Amino acid sequence: MPPEPSSTTPVQDYLDRPAPGATENHLVVPRSLAQSMPLRWQQVFVGLMADLHDAYGHLPWPDYKVIPSRWELLVDLDEEQLAAAGYHADLGADGDLEYRDAAERLVTDAEHRRVLAPVLDPLPEAAAGRVEPRPAAPL
C-alpha cells in the first residue's frame, strides 16, 4: 500500500481541530509564551513571521484588539461580562432574574446558555519575563 500523501493544508488541518488560541478566522500566539520558547524555536518562528509579513504585508492589515475570553454560563456572569457578551439581566414581572440579548429577546435557557465572555488573562504579560514550559514526559 503506498504511503498517504502529505496534506497540502497542514495549518488548516491543525487549526481546524481544537487548539489553544485558534478561532475560526484567527490564531493568537501569546507573546510571553513565544518569547519563552527555546532560542532555536524563536529563530524559526521569527523567520516564518518575517516570511508571512513579507508575502502579505501589502494587504491592509487592521490593528487587532485581543480580549481574553472563555465560554461561560450566562447565569455565572457579572454585569460587565454580560454587557461585553451582548446581554443584560433585569428583574422580570414575577421578580425572577431575566436575561435578554442585545435585541431585547428573552433568553429562556439562561442556566444552560454558554457565551463567550471576557475574563482576566491567566497568562503573564510579555514584560513578566520567561514562562517556564511544562516539564518533558519521562522516557
Foldseek 3Di string as FASTA:
>chain_A
DDDDDDDPCVVCVVLVPDDPQGDPPDRDDALQALVQDPPVSVVVVVVVVVVVCVVPVVDPDDDDDDFAWDWDQQVPDDQVQQVVQAKHWDQDPVRDIWIAGNVRDTDPPRRPHITITGDPDPDDHNVVHHDDDDDDDDD
